[in-house]
């Protein structure tokens, strides 16, 4: 890819995201949003982390009950089992497990779960089956980890974003797209980096979160308790992308 085509990509990402910036600036949902593909994570250096087995987690609970088992009971048991093994999950599934637990905590109330991290597509043995495929039917049957796809315009309605790492670490495309939006970016710190990361500063352009996501909820709560500081960081990230989205700004890199 040439310098100019990369610059065009950055500009396209920024201009599309920023076009909706002002529209949603004062109307953001106070949730941490993510949509993407169920993908492994740096398998060559994290061999102990894996994607969960729906047969063991969901269908096991179905088999332990009669065929008329209450769906809510199965869902609660599956969420508990998922979170019991959260340390062994790849980061994207850690996020999905945190989301399922957050949804469980607010059931029966009008509160929003703090996290909304879900898969809108799947990677199964190198392929991407659509929602409804038999490999993920167990998760869908109990409304765990599955979410509708969202456009940039829809994602921009949310106050917080995260760029969860996959097979190659944190995606540079996801990072720059989310920096361009009005919301605050939680940048997933992985053992890999792209050149653009050298021009970004933690707590200035984004809030860093650990590879394990153990500090994610704590840092979400911090942002909710410090809205002015959070907005300053979000604005700095967007300002960075505003400059990067020009040939002159990209030329500095």
C-alpha atoms as a PDB file:
ATOM      1  CA  UNK A   1       0.000   0.000   0.000  1.00  0.00           C
ATOM      2  CA  UNK A   2       1.461   3.394  -0.953  1.00  0.00           C
ATOM      3  CA  UNK A   3       1.739   6.400   1.309  1.00  0.00           C
ATOM      4  CA  UNK A   4      -1.027   8.144  -0.600  1.00  0.00           C
ATOM      5  CA  UNK A   5      -3.417   5.190  -0.424  1.00  0.00           C
ATOM      6  CA  UNK A   6      -2.821   4.892   3.329  1.00  0.00           C
ATOM      7  CA  UNK A   7      -3.417   8.620   3.677  1.00  0.00           C
ATOM      8  CA  UNK A   8      -6.636   8.257   1.680  1.00  0.00           C
ATOM      9  CA  UNK A   9      -7.722   5.431   3.990  1.00  0.00           C
ATOM     10  CA  UNK A  10      -7.086   7.574   7.057  1.00  0.00           C
ATOM     11  CA  UNK A  11      -8.900  10.518   5.517  1.00  0.00           C
ATOM     12  CA  UNK A  12     -11.849   8.366   4.445  1.00  0.00           C
ATOM     13  CA  UNK A  13     -12.131   6.885   7.930  1.00  0.00           C
ATOM     14  CA  UNK A  14     -11.882  10.275   9.588  1.00  0.00           C
ATOM     15  CA  UNK A  15     -14.244  12.107   7.235  1.00  0.00           C
ATOM     16  CA  UNK A  16     -16.973   9.462   7.477  1.00  0.00           C
ATOM     17  CA  UNK A  17     -16.743   9.255  11.253  1.00  0.00           C
ATOM     18  CA  UNK A  18     -16.422  12.997  11.792  1.00  0.00           C
ATOM     19  CA  UNK A  19     -19.378  13.739   9.526  1.00  0.00           C
ATOM     20  CA  UNK A  20     -21.587  12.303  12.261  1.00  0.00           C
ATOM     21  CA  UNK A  21     -19.503  13.728  15.120  1.00  0.00           C
ATOM     22  CA  UNK A  22     -21.469  16.906  15.685  1.00  0.00           C
ATOM     23  CA  UNK A  23     -24.809  15.162  15.220  1.00  0.00           C
ATOM     24  CA  UNK A  24     -24.236  12.766  18.117  1.00  0.00           C
ATOM     25  CA  UNK A  25     -21.930  14.919  20.231  1.00  0.00           C
ATOM     26  CA  UNK A  26     -24.512  15.558  22.946  1.00  0.00           C
ATOM     27  CA  UNK A  27     -26.599  12.436  22.496  1.00  0.00           C
ATOM     28  CA  UNK A  28     -24.352   9.507  23.291  1.00  0.00           C
ATOM     29  CA  UNK A  29     -25.376   6.254  24.931  1.00  0.00           C
ATOM     30  CA  UNK A  30     -23.349   5.729  28.140  1.00  0.00           C
ATOM     31  CA  UNK A  31     -22.172   2.254  27.172  1.00  0.00           C
ATOM     32  CA  UNK A  32     -18.914   0.701  26.061  1.00  0.00           C
ATOM     33  CA  UNK A  33     -19.629  -0.583  22.546  1.00  0.00           C
ATOM     34  CA  UNK A  34     -17.843  -3.075  20.297  1.00  0.00           C
ATOM     35  CA  UNK A  35     -18.921  -5.106  17.288  1.00  0.00           C
ATOM     36  CA  UNK A  36     -16.673  -7.425  15.345  1.00  0.00           C
ATOM     37  CA  UNK A  37     -15.637 -10.970  14.523  1.00  0.00           C
ATOM     38  CA  UNK A  38     -15.135 -13.866  16.920  1.00  0.00           C
ATOM     39  CA  UNK A  39     -11.443 -14.346  16.357  1.00  0.00           C
ATOM     40  CA  UNK A  40      -8.550 -15.918  18.214  1.00  0.00           C
ATOM     41  CA  UNK A  41      -5.805 -13.843  19.792  1.00  0.00           C
ATOM     42  CA  UNK A  42      -2.085 -13.999  18.976  1.00  0.00           C
ATOM     43  CA  UNK A  43      -2.054 -17.769  19.121  1.00  0.00           C
ATOM     44  CA  UNK A  44       1.716 -17.978  18.661  1.00  0.00           C
ATOM     45  CA  UNK A  45       2.366 -16.261  22.022  1.00  0.00           C
ATOM     46  CA  UNK A  46      -0.894 -16.839  23.926  1.00  0.00           C
ATOM     47  CA  UNK A  47      -1.507 -20.584  23.450  1.00  0.00           C
ATOM     48  CA  UNK A  48      -3.287 -20.908  26.809  1.00  0.00           C
ATOM     49  CA  UNK A  49      -6.118 -18.570  25.754  1.00  0.00           C
ATOM     50  CA  UNK A  50      -9.020 -19.929  23.743  1.00  0.00           C
ATOM     51  CA  UNK A  51     -12.554 -19.339  22.517  1.00  0.00           C
ATOM     52  CA  UNK A  52     -15.133 -21.073  24.749  1.00  0.00           C
ATOM     53  CA  UNK A  53     -16.859 -24.276  23.747  1.00  0.00           C
ATOM     54  CA  UNK A  54     -20.632 -23.680  23.484  1.00  0.00           C
ATOM     55  CA  UNK A  55     -21.279 -27.411  23.827  1.00  0.00           C
ATOM     56  CA  UNK A  56     -19.645 -27.522  27.251  1.00  0.00           C
ATOM     57  CA  UNK A  57     -21.050 -24.230  28.513  1.00  0.00           C
ATOM     58  CA  UNK A  58     -24.559 -23.950  27.073  1.00  0.00           C
ATOM     59  CA  UNK A  59     -25.693 -27.409  26.033  1.00  0.00           C
ATOM     60  CA  UNK A  60     -24.319 -28.946  29.220  1.00  0.00           C
ATOM     61  CA  UNK A  61     -26.792 -26.889  31.191  1.00  0.00           C
ATOM     62  CA  UNK A  62     -29.556 -27.800  28.792  1.00  0.00           C
ATOM     63  CA  UNK A  63     -28.815 -31.489  29.221  1.00  0.00           C
ATOM     64  CA  UNK A  64     -28.807 -31.191  32.995  1.00  0.00           C
ATOM     65  CA  UNK A  65     -32.405 -29.966  32.874  1.00  0.00           C
ATOM     66  CA  UNK A  66     -35.454 -31.424  31.216  1.00  0.00           C
ATOM     67  CA  UNK A  67     -36.328 -30.469  27.669  1.00  0.00           C
ATOM     68  CA  UNK A  68     -38.630 -27.744  28.961  1.00  0.00           C
ATOM     69  CA  UNK A  69     -35.838 -26.088  30.926  1.00  0.00           C
ATOM     70  CA  UNK A  70     -36.385 -22.416  31.534  1.00  0.00           C
ATOM     71  CA  UNK A  71     -34.303 -20.362  29.100  1.00  0.00           C
ATOM     72  CA  UNK A  72     -33.497 -17.754  31.748  1.00  0.00           C
ATOM     73  CA  UNK A  73     -32.092 -20.418  34.070  1.00  0.00           C
ATOM     74  CA  UNK A  74     -29.937 -21.856  31.315  1.00  0.00           C
ATOM     75  CA  UNK A  75     -28.750 -18.346  30.400  1.00  0.00           C
ATOM     76  CA  UNK A  76     -27.809 -17.516  33.993  1.00  0.00           C
ATOM     77  CA  UNK A  77     -25.946 -20.801  34.406  1.00  0.00           C
ATOM     78  CA  UNK A  78     -24.109 -20.293  31.117  1.00  0.00           C
ATOM     79  CA  UNK A  79     -23.083 -16.744  32.063  1.00  0.00           C
ATOM     80  CA  UNK A  80     -21.789 -17.971  35.403  1.00  0.00           C
ATOM     81  CA  UNK A  81     -19.801 -20.751  33.710  1.00  0.00           C
ATOM     82  CA  UNK A  82     -18.419 -18.315  31.145  1.00  0.00           C
ATOM     83  CA  UNK A  83     -17.195 -15.914  33.810  1.00  0.00           C
ATOM     84  CA  UNK A  84     -15.702 -18.711  35.894  1.00  0.00           C
ATOM     85  CA  UNK A  85     -13.292 -19.392  33.031  1.00  0.00           C
ATOM     86  CA  UNK A  86     -12.793 -15.781  31.953  1.00  0.00           C
ATOM     87  CA  UNK A  87      -9.051 -15.854  32.653  1.00  0.00           C
ATOM     88  CA  UNK A  88      -8.570 -18.518  29.980  1.00  0.00           C
ATOM     89  CA  UNK A  89     -10.601 -16.727  27.290  1.00  0.00           C
ATOM     90  CA  UNK A  90      -9.234 -14.686  24.397  1.00  0.00           C
ATOM     91  CA  UNK A  91      -9.812 -10.930  24.916  1.00  0.00           C
ATOM     92  CA  UNK A  92     -12.822 -10.637  22.616  1.00  0.00           C
ATOM     93  CA  UNK A  93     -14.552 -13.384  24.557  1.00  0.00           C
ATOM     94  CA  UNK A  94     -13.527 -11.780  27.837  1.00  0.00           C
ATOM     95  CA  UNK A  95     -15.427  -8.708  26.636  1.00  0.00           C
ATOM     96  CA  UNK A  96     -18.431 -10.816  25.661  1.00  0.00           C
ATOM     97  CA  UNK A  97     -18.384 -12.490  29.097  1.00  0.00           C
ATOM     98  CA  UNK A  98     -18.200  -9.107  30.865  1.00  0.00           C
ATOM     99  CA  UNK A  99     -21.140  -7.930  28.763  1.00  0.00           C
ATOM    100  CA  UNK A 100     -23.268 -10.980  29.566  1.00  0.00           C
ATOM    101  CA  UNK A 101     -22.601 -10.481  33.269  1.00  0.00           C
ATOM    102  CA  UNK A 102     -23.367  -6.737  33.010  1.00  0.00           C
ATOM    103  CA  UNK A 103     -26.686  -7.538  31.323  1.00  0.00           C
ATOM    104  CA  UNK A 104     -27.504 -10.031  34.052  1.00  0.00           C
ATOM    105  CA  UNK A 105     -26.817  -7.455  36.771  1.00  0.00           C
ATOM    106  CA  UNK A 106     -29.381  -4.982  35.405  1.00  0.00           C
ATOM    107  CA  UNK A 107     -32.145  -7.453  34.537  1.00  0.00           C
ATOM    108  CA  UNK A 108     -35.477  -6.234  35.866  1.00  0.00           C
ATOM    109  CA  UNK A 109     -34.314  -2.602  35.980  1.00  0.00           C
ATOM    110  CA  UNK A 110     -34.282   0.329  33.561  1.00  0.00           C
ATOM    111  CA  UNK A 111     -30.503   0.619  33.779  1.00  0.00           C
ATOM    112  CA  UNK A 112     -28.240   0.051  30.808  1.00  0.00           C
ATOM    113  CA  UNK A 113     -25.505  -2.570  31.149  1.00  0.00           C
ATOM    114  CA  UNK A 114     -22.177  -0.768  31.159  1.00  0.00           C
ATOM    115  CA  UNK A 115     -20.712  -3.013  28.432  1.00  0.00           C
ATOM    116  CA  UNK A 116     -22.118  -3.891  25.006  1.00  0.00           C
ATOM    117  CA  UNK A 117     -19.371  -6.038  23.491  1.00  0.00           C
ATOM    118  CA  UNK A 118     -20.763  -8.620  21.075  1.00  0.00           C
ATOM    119  CA  UNK A 119     -19.984 -10.548  17.917  1.00  0.00           C
ATOM    120  CA  UNK A 120     -21.684  -9.609  14.660  1.00  0.00           C
ATOM    121  CA  UNK A 121     -19.758 -12.217  12.662  1.00  0.00           C
ATOM    122  CA  UNK A 122     -17.885 -15.416  13.386  1.00  0.00           C
ATOM    123  CA  UNK A 123     -14.662 -17.067  12.348  1.00  0.00           C
ATOM    124  CA  UNK A 124     -15.051 -20.836  12.269  1.00  0.00           C
ATOM    125  CA  UNK A 125     -12.046 -22.778  10.957  1.00  0.00           C
ATOM    126  CA  UNK A 126     -11.009 -19.880   8.750  1.00  0.00           C
ATOM    127  CA  UNK A 127     -14.506 -19.097   7.494  1.00  0.00           C
ATOM    128  CA  UNK A 128     -17.070 -16.534   8.571  1.00  0.00           C
ATOM    129  CA  UNK A 129     -20.500 -18.111   8.904  1.00  0.00           C
ATOM    130  CA  UNK A 130     -23.405 -15.757   9.403  1.00  0.00           C
ATOM    131  CA  UNK A 131     -25.501 -15.392  12.528  1.00  0.00           C
ATOM    132  CA  UNK A 132     -27.769 -18.408  12.681  1.00  0.00           C
ATOM    133  CA  UNK A 133     -25.054 -20.924  11.826  1.00  0.00           C
ATOM    134  CA  UNK A 134     -25.139 -24.161  13.783  1.00  0.00           C
ATOM    135  CA  UNK A 135     -21.704 -23.539  15.322  1.00  0.00           C
ATOM    136  CA  UNK A 136     -23.058 -20.557  17.271  1.00  0.00           C
ATOM    137  CA  UNK A 137     -26.679 -21.563  17.699  1.00  0.00           C
ATOM    138  CA  UNK A 138     -26.132 -22.436  21.396  1.00  0.00           C
ATOM    139  CA  UNK A 139     -24.964 -18.872  22.155  1.00  0.00           C
ATOM    140  CA  UNK A 140     -27.790 -17.347  20.157  1.00  0.00           C
ATOM    141  CA  UNK A 141     -30.358 -19.561  21.874  1.00  0.00           C
ATOM    142  CA  UNK A 142     -29.588 -17.900  25.221  1.00  0.00           C
ATOM    143  CA  UNK A 143     -28.762 -14.417  23.892  1.00  0.00           C
ATOM    144  CA  UNK A 144     -25.102 -14.498  24.872  1.00  0.00           C
ATOM    145  CA  UNK A 145     -22.304 -12.839  22.879  1.00  0.00           C
ATOM    146  CA  UNK A 146     -24.415 -12.266  19.753  1.00  0.00           C
ATOM    147  CA  UNK A 147     -25.173  -8.761  18.509  1.00  0.00           C
ATOM    148  CA  UNK A 148     -26.449  -7.083  15.407  1.00  0.00           C
ATOM    149  CA  UNK A 149     -23.953  -5.464  13.053  1.00  0.00           C
ATOM    150  CA  UNK A 150     -23.604  -1.693  13.314  1.00  0.00           C
ATOM    151  CA  UNK A 151     -22.582   0.996  10.861  1.00  0.00           C
ATOM    152  CA  UNK A 152     -20.183   3.773  11.844  1.00  0.00           C
ATOM    153  CA  UNK A 153     -23.165   6.068  12.181  1.00  0.00           C
ATOM    154  CA  UNK A 154     -24.768   3.696  14.667  1.00  0.00           C
ATOM    155  CA  UNK A 155     -21.538   3.124  16.603  1.00  0.00           C
ATOM    156  CA  UNK A 156     -21.030   6.866  16.913  1.00  0.00           C
ATOM    157  CA  UNK A 157     -24.130   7.080  19.096  1.00  0.00           C
ATOM    158  CA  UNK A 158     -22.189   5.491  21.946  1.00  0.00           C
ATOM    159  CA  UNK A 159     -20.043   7.241  24.514  1.00  0.00           C
ATOM    160  CA  UNK A 160     -17.263   4.673  24.819  1.00  0.00           C
ATOM    161  CA  UNK A 161     -15.411   2.415  22.365  1.00  0.00           C
ATOM    162  CA  UNK A 162     -12.770  -0.307  22.536  1.00  0.00           C
ATOM    163  CA  UNK A 163     -10.466  -1.697  19.828  1.00  0.00           C
ATOM    164  CA  UNK A 164     -10.147  -5.305  20.981  1.00  0.00           C
ATOM    165  CA  UNK A 165      -7.174  -7.219  19.614  1.00  0.00           C
ATOM    166  CA  UNK A 166      -7.554 -10.283  17.410  1.00  0.00           C
ATOM    167  CA  UNK A 167      -5.207 -12.598  15.558  1.00  0.00           C
ATOM    168  CA  UNK A 168      -2.693  -9.831  14.817  1.00  0.00           C
ATOM    169  CA  UNK A 169      -3.081  -7.756  17.951  1.00  0.00           C
ATOM    170  CA  UNK A 170      -4.988  -4.496  18.005  1.00  0.00           C
ATOM    171  CA  UNK A 171      -6.243  -3.550  14.557  1.00  0.00           C
ATOM    172  CA  UNK A 172      -4.974  -0.212  13.295  1.00  0.00           C
ATOM    173  CA  UNK A 173      -8.149   0.288  11.259  1.00  0.00           C
ATOM    174  CA  UNK A 174     -10.346  -0.162  14.314  1.00  0.00           C
ATOM    175  CA  UNK A 175      -8.166   2.202  16.312  1.00  0.00           C
ATOM    176  CA  UNK A 176      -8.296   5.103  13.865  1.00  0.00           C
ATOM    177  CA  UNK A 177     -12.004   4.679  13.139  1.00  0.00           C
ATOM    178  CA  UNK A 178     -12.875   4.832  16.823  1.00  0.00           C
ATOM    179  CA  UNK A 179     -10.517   7.720  17.545  1.00  0.00           C
ATOM    180  CA  UNK A 180     -12.427   9.669  14.888  1.00  0.00           C
ATOM    181  CA  UNK A 181     -15.758   9.235  16.637  1.00  0.00           C
ATOM    182  CA  UNK A 182     -17.054  11.536  19.378  1.00  0.00           C
ATOM    183  CA  UNK A 183     -16.776   8.826  22.023  1.00  0.00           C
ATOM    184  CA  UNK A 184     -13.800   7.937  24.187  1.00  0.00           C
ATOM    185  CA  UNK A 185     -11.487   5.115  23.042  1.00  0.00           C
ATOM    186  CA  UNK A 186     -10.302   2.415  25.417  1.00  0.00           C
ATOM    187  CA  UNK A 187      -7.208   1.152  23.636  1.00  0.00           C
ATOM    188  CA  UNK A 188      -6.496  -2.533  24.163  1.00  0.00           C
ATOM    189  CA  UNK A 189      -2.790  -2.846  24.933  1.00  0.00           C
ATOM    190  CA  UNK A 190      -1.353  -5.952  23.278  1.00  0.00           C
ATOM    191  CA  UNK A 191       2.221  -7.208  22.706  1.00  0.00           C
ATOM    192  CA  UNK A 192       2.029  -5.901  19.121  1.00  0.00           C
ATOM    193  CA  UNK A 193       1.761  -2.389  17.761  1.00  0.00           C
ATOM    194  CA  UNK A 194       1.454  -0.466  14.516  1.00  0.00           C
ATOM    195  CA  UNK A 195       3.549   2.542  13.568  1.00  0.00           C
ATOM    196  CA  UNK A 196       0.643   4.867  14.339  1.00  0.00           C
ATOM    197  CA  UNK A 197       0.816   3.917  18.029  1.00  0.00           C
ATOM    198  CA  UNK A 198       4.099   5.819  18.363  1.00  0.00           C
ATOM    199  CA  UNK A 199       2.170   9.033  17.771  1.00  0.00           C
ATOM    200  CA  UNK A 200      -0.530   8.325  20.339  1.00  0.00           C
ATOM    201  CA  UNK A 201      -0.155   8.968  24.074  1.00  0.00           C
ATOM    202  CA  UNK A 202      -2.019   7.102  26.853  1.00  0.00           C
ATOM    203  CA  UNK A 203      -4.376   9.307  28.862  1.00  0.00           C
ATOM    204  CA  UNK A 204      -4.026  12.016  26.226  1.00  0.00           C
ATOM    205  CA  UNK A 205      -5.556  10.375  23.144  1.00  0.00           C
ATOM    206  CA  UNK A 206      -7.056   7.258  24.729  1.00  0.00           C
ATOM    207  CA  UNK A 207      -7.423   5.307  27.956  1.00  0.00           C
ATOM    208  CA  UNK A 208      -5.182   2.232  27.990  1.00  0.00           C
ATOM    209  CA  UNK A 209      -6.624  -1.074  29.174  1.00  0.00           C
ATOM    210  CA  UNK A 210      -4.659  -4.193  29.982  1.00  0.00           C
ATOM    211  CA  UNK A 211      -4.455  -7.198  27.702  1.00  0.00           C
ATOM    212  CA  UNK A 212      -6.524  -9.177  30.254  1.00  0.00           C
ATOM    213  CA  UNK A 213      -9.224  -6.449  30.467  1.00  0.00           C
ATOM    214  CA  UNK A 214      -9.126  -6.789  34.273  1.00  0.00           C
ATOM    215  CA  UNK A 215      -9.055  -2.996  34.639  1.00  0.00           C
ATOM    216  CA  UNK A 216     -11.752  -2.250  32.060  1.00  0.00           C
ATOM    217  CA  UNK A 217     -14.707  -1.817  34.418  1.00  0.00           C
ATOM    218  CA  UNK A 218     -12.657   0.294  36.835  1.00  0.00           C
ATOM    219  CA  UNK A 219     -11.583   2.631  34.030  1.00  0.00           C
ATOM    220  CA  UNK A 220     -15.130   2.792  32.685  1.00  0.00           C
ATOM    221  CA  UNK A 221     -16.277   3.908  36.137  1.00  0.00           C
ATOM    222  CA  UNK A 222     -13.492   6.495  36.206  1.00  0.00           C
ATOM    223  CA  UNK A 223     -14.686   8.042  32.951  1.00  0.00           C
ATOM    224  CA  UNK A 224     -18.276   8.155  34.163  1.00  0.00           C
ATOM    225  CA  UNK A 225     -17.119   9.892  37.350  1.00  0.00           C
ATOM    226  CA  UNK A 226     -14.846  12.339  35.490  1.00  0.00           C
ATOM    227  CA  UNK A 227     -16.813  13.437  32.394  1.00  0.00           C
ATOM    228  CA  UNK A 228     -14.749  16.561  31.694  1.00  0.00           C
ATOM    229  CA  UNK A 229     -11.440  14.707  31.739  1.00  0.00           C
ATOM    230  CA  UNK A 230     -12.937  11.899  29.646  1.00  0.00           C
ATOM    231  CA  UNK A 231     -14.221  14.389  27.069  1.00  0.00           C
ATOM    232  CA  UNK A 232     -10.818  16.054  26.911  1.00  0.00           C
ATOM    233  CA  UNK A 233      -9.202  12.714  26.032  1.00  0.00           C
ATOM    234  CA  UNK A 234     -11.909  11.879  23.495  1.00  0.00           C
ATOM    235  CA  UNK A 235     -11.508  15.293  21.829  1.00  0.00           C
ATOM    236  CA  UNK A 236      -7.722  14.947  21.692  1.00  0.00           C
ATOM    237  CA  UNK A 237      -8.091  11.629  19.887  1.00  0.00           C
ATOM    238  CA  UNK A 238     -10.433  13.176  17.353  1.00  0.00           C
ATOM    239  CA  UNK A 239      -8.121  16.166  16.881  1.00  0.00           C
ATOM    240  CA  UNK A 240      -5.271  13.757  16.156  1.00  0.00           C
ATOM    241  CA  UNK A 241      -7.353  12.031  13.497  1.00  0.00           C
ATOM    242  CA  UNK A 242      -8.453  15.362  12.057  1.00  0.00           C
ATOM    243  CA  UNK A 243      -4.812  16.190  11.376  1.00  0.00           C
ATOM    244  CA  UNK A 244      -3.896  12.658  10.287  1.00  0.00           C
ATOM    245  CA  UNK A 245      -6.760  12.718   7.810  1.00  0.00           C
ATOM    246  CA  UNK A 246      -4.976  15.303   5.664  1.00  0.00           C
ATOM    247  CA  UNK A 247      -2.052  14.695   3.288  1.00  0.00           C
ATOM    248  CA  UNK A 248      -0.013  17.221   5.291  1.00  0.00           C
ATOM    249  CA  UNK A 249      -0.755  15.526   8.599  1.00  0.00           C
ATOM    250  CA  UNK A 250       0.003  12.075   7.287  1.00  0.00           C
ATOM    251  CA  UNK A 251       3.192  13.398   5.726  1.00  0.00           C
ATOM    252  CA  UNK A 252       4.524  14.147   9.202  1.00  0.00           C
ATOM    253  CA  UNK A 253       4.405  10.444   9.985  1.00  0.00           C
END
